[in-house]
Amino acid sequence: MPKVESTVIKFEILSQPSVEVADEITWRKIIRSAFTYRRKTLANAIHLGDFAHLPLTKICAIIQSVGINPRSRGETLSLKEFRDLSQAFSGYPEQ
């Protein structure tokens, strides 16, 4: 017999989102960048993603402005921290 382990996962649909975001497009871009380049620091991942037009020093300053360490990784952030990041980056459209 093969050695196989199984797990059952139950998903519950929330009546309201866990966090409210003002700019969903930027929120998705930040999350996509953080997890596409998950072996990179948060600042480098965002820089390699949709915000490559911004200098890395500016990206670090924006991340620090919301109280997050630019050297952290995306998987360590909460939904609220992603919301705060997306609000901070929403003033810098893609160029």
C-alpha atoms as a PDB file:
ATOM      1  CA  MET A   1       0.000   0.000   0.000  1.00  0.00           C
ATOM      2  CA  PRO A   2       1.234   3.496  -0.792  1.00  0.00           C
ATOM      3  CA  LYS A   3       2.009   5.774   2.126  1.00  0.00           C
ATOM      4  CA  VAL A   4      -0.494   8.555   1.517  1.00  0.00           C
ATOM      5  CA  GLU A   5      -1.825  11.146   3.944  1.00  0.00           C
ATOM      6  CA  SER A   6      -5.095  12.959   3.341  1.00  0.00           C
ATOM      7  CA  THR A   7      -6.492  16.194   4.693  1.00  0.00           C
ATOM      8  CA  VAL A   8      -9.941  17.707   4.443  1.00  0.00           C
ATOM      9  CA  ILE A   9     -10.170  21.483   4.106  1.00  0.00           C
ATOM     10  CA  LYS A  10     -13.397  23.348   4.648  1.00  0.00           C
ATOM     11  CA  PHE A  11     -13.772  26.849   3.160  1.00  0.00           C
ATOM     12  CA  GLU A  12     -16.350  29.233   4.496  1.00  0.00           C
ATOM     13  CA  ILE A  13     -17.479  32.188   2.398  1.00  0.00           C
ATOM     14  CA  LEU A  14     -17.406  35.386   4.417  1.00  0.00           C
ATOM     15  CA  SER A  15     -20.363  37.725   4.259  1.00  0.00           C
ATOM     16  CA  GLN A  16     -17.933  40.695   4.373  1.00  0.00           C
ATOM     17  CA  PRO A  17     -14.274  40.880   3.288  1.00  0.00           C
ATOM     18  CA  SER A  18     -11.708  40.578   6.086  1.00  0.00           C
ATOM     19  CA  VAL A  19     -10.317  43.995   5.160  1.00  0.00           C
ATOM     20  CA  GLU A  20     -11.731  46.809   3.067  1.00  0.00           C
ATOM     21  CA  VAL A  21      -9.410  48.165   0.371  1.00  0.00           C
ATOM     22  CA  ALA A  22      -9.883  51.427  -1.483  1.00  0.00           C
ATOM     23  CA  ASP A  23      -7.830  50.480  -4.552  1.00  0.00           C
ATOM     24  CA  GLU A  24      -8.290  46.790  -5.322  1.00  0.00           C
ATOM     25  CA  ILE A  25      -6.093  46.906  -8.437  1.00  0.00           C
ATOM     26  CA  THR A  26      -3.063  48.161  -6.510  1.00  0.00           C
ATOM     27  CA  TRP A  27      -3.837  45.723  -3.667  1.00  0.00           C
ATOM     28  CA  ARG A  28      -3.738  42.809  -6.121  1.00  0.00           C
ATOM     29  CA  LYS A  29      -0.508  44.084  -7.710  1.00  0.00           C
ATOM     30  CA  ILE A  30       1.234  44.284  -4.334  1.00  0.00           C
ATOM     31  CA  ILE A  31       0.093  40.795  -3.318  1.00  0.00           C
ATOM     32  CA  ARG A  32       0.977  39.335  -6.720  1.00  0.00           C
ATOM     33  CA  SER A  33       4.471  40.828  -6.567  1.00  0.00           C
ATOM     34  CA  ALA A  34       5.029  39.654  -2.987  1.00  0.00           C
ATOM     35  CA  PHE A  35       4.149  36.056  -3.817  1.00  0.00           C
ATOM     36  CA  THR A  36       5.500  35.848  -7.362  1.00  0.00           C
ATOM     37  CA  TYR A  37       8.947  36.718  -6.042  1.00  0.00           C
ATOM     38  CA  ARG A  38       8.508  35.157  -2.606  1.00  0.00           C
ATOM     39  CA  ARG A  39      12.202  34.302  -2.214  1.00  0.00           C
ATOM     40  CA  LYS A  40      12.985  38.022  -2.477  1.00  0.00           C
ATOM     41  CA  THR A  41      12.609  40.654   0.193  1.00  0.00           C
ATOM     42  CA  LEU A  42       9.379  42.624   0.041  1.00  0.00           C
ATOM     43  CA  ALA A  43      11.116  45.707  -1.390  1.00  0.00           C
ATOM     44  CA  ASN A  44      12.824  43.719  -4.148  1.00  0.00           C
ATOM     45  CA  ALA A  45       9.656  41.770  -4.956  1.00  0.00           C
ATOM     46  CA  ILE A  46       7.632  44.962  -5.381  1.00  0.00           C
ATOM     47  CA  HIS A  47      10.429  46.492  -7.440  1.00  0.00           C
ATOM     48  CA  LEU A  48      10.534  43.448  -9.737  1.00  0.00           C
ATOM     49  CA  GLY A  49       6.735  43.543 -10.060  1.00  0.00           C
ATOM     50  CA  ASP A  50       4.477  46.336 -11.205  1.00  0.00           C
ATOM     51  CA  PHE A  51       6.451  49.130  -9.572  1.00  0.00           C
ATOM     52  CA  ALA A  52       9.764  48.699 -11.404  1.00  0.00           C
ATOM     53  CA  HIS A  53       9.520  52.333 -12.546  1.00  0.00           C
ATOM     54  CA  LEU A  54      10.141  53.487  -8.956  1.00  0.00           C
ATOM     55  CA  PRO A  55      13.681  53.539  -7.558  1.00  0.00           C
ATOM     56  CA  LEU A  56      14.326  50.847  -4.946  1.00  0.00           C
ATOM     57  CA  THR A  57      15.118  53.530  -2.354  1.00  0.00           C
ATOM     58  CA  LYS A  58      11.660  55.071  -2.893  1.00  0.00           C
ATOM     59  CA  ILE A  59       9.997  51.663  -2.575  1.00  0.00           C
ATOM     60  CA  CYS A  60      11.837  51.068   0.721  1.00  0.00           C
ATOM     61  CA  ALA A  61      10.738  54.482   1.997  1.00  0.00           C
ATOM     62  CA  ILE A  62       7.090  53.791   1.107  1.00  0.00           C
ATOM     63  CA  ILE A  63       7.177  50.396   2.836  1.00  0.00           C
ATOM     64  CA  GLN A  64       8.789  51.890   5.943  1.00  0.00           C
ATOM     65  CA  SER A  65       6.188  54.685   6.002  1.00  0.00           C
ATOM     66  CA  VAL A  66       3.513  52.128   6.919  1.00  0.00           C
ATOM     67  CA  GLY A  67       5.676  50.510   9.600  1.00  0.00           C
ATOM     68  CA  ILE A  68       6.849  47.451   7.681  1.00  0.00           C
ATOM     69  CA  ASN A  69      10.453  46.348   7.341  1.00  0.00           C
ATOM     70  CA  PRO A  70      11.400  46.389   3.621  1.00  0.00           C
ATOM     71  CA  ARG A  71      13.571  43.307   4.213  1.00  0.00           C
ATOM     72  CA  SER A  72      10.596  41.207   5.339  1.00  0.00           C
ATOM     73  CA  ARG A  73       8.991  38.681   3.017  1.00  0.00           C
ATOM     74  CA  GLY A  74       5.444  38.734   1.687  1.00  0.00           C
ATOM     75  CA  GLU A  75       4.315  35.608   3.509  1.00  0.00           C
ATOM     76  CA  THR A  76       4.932  37.320   6.868  1.00  0.00           C
ATOM     77  CA  LEU A  77       2.442  40.147   6.223  1.00  0.00           C
ATOM     78  CA  SER A  78      -1.167  40.236   7.361  1.00  0.00           C
ATOM     79  CA  LEU A  79      -4.081  41.294   5.169  1.00  0.00           C
ATOM     80  CA  LYS A  80      -4.169  44.622   7.011  1.00  0.00           C
ATOM     81  CA  GLU A  81      -0.496  45.205   6.243  1.00  0.00           C
ATOM     82  CA  PHE A  82      -1.128  44.438   2.563  1.00  0.00           C
ATOM     83  CA  ARG A  83      -4.021  46.912   2.669  1.00  0.00           C
ATOM     84  CA  ASP A  84      -1.777  49.583   4.204  1.00  0.00           C
ATOM     85  CA  LEU A  85       0.895  48.929   1.565  1.00  0.00           C
ATOM     86  CA  SER A  86      -1.609  49.154  -1.273  1.00  0.00           C
ATOM     87  CA  GLN A  87      -2.900  52.473   0.074  1.00  0.00           C
ATOM     88  CA  ALA A  88       0.661  53.801   0.244  1.00  0.00           C
ATOM     89  CA  PHE A  89       1.446  52.656  -3.313  1.00  0.00           C
ATOM     90  CA  SER A  90      -1.862  53.757  -4.839  1.00  0.00           C
ATOM     91  CA  GLY A  91      -0.433  57.244  -5.389  1.00  0.00           C
ATOM     92  CA  TYR A  92       2.263  55.816  -7.679  1.00  0.00           C
ATOM     93  CA  PRO A  93       0.556  54.507 -10.830  1.00  0.00           C
ATOM     94  CA  GLU A  94       2.280  52.116 -13.185  1.00  0.00           C
ATOM     95  CA  GLN A  95       4.275  53.874 -15.893  1.00  0.00           C
END
